[in-house]
């Protein structure tokens, strides 16, 4: 029987790939700061706006791909953290120039045993990672 608090990998849920054009089109559609380009927004100090909009964009895509009952609470925050870890502020210009073809966000599902007497109480969480490819 698992120990309460023990975490287990369940499965990789999805890979969501987006090109610079797809990201930029969504960014332009959702931003209200007047920026017309992700790289320009980052260079002008709008990195927070960029990561927030992209985080929400990817989180929605991850949820659509998932198609399962696990609630992906905090997916947008997970994507934001993954983008920071992937050094998006410097790599986004490489994505725009074609050095990279797309940005991939991977989502993995984990379950944590919560300690039920019946042995079947689990909570589920997701973790996102980002990679420029």
Foldseek 3Di string as FASTA:
>chain_A
DDDAFDKDWDWWQDKDKDALVRLQVQLVVPDPPPDNHQLVCLVVPNVVSSLQSVLVVVLVVSVVSRPDDADAPCSSVLSSVQCVVQVVNVCSVCRVVPVFGIKMKIKTKMWGFRDDPVRPDIHMYIHIHIYGD
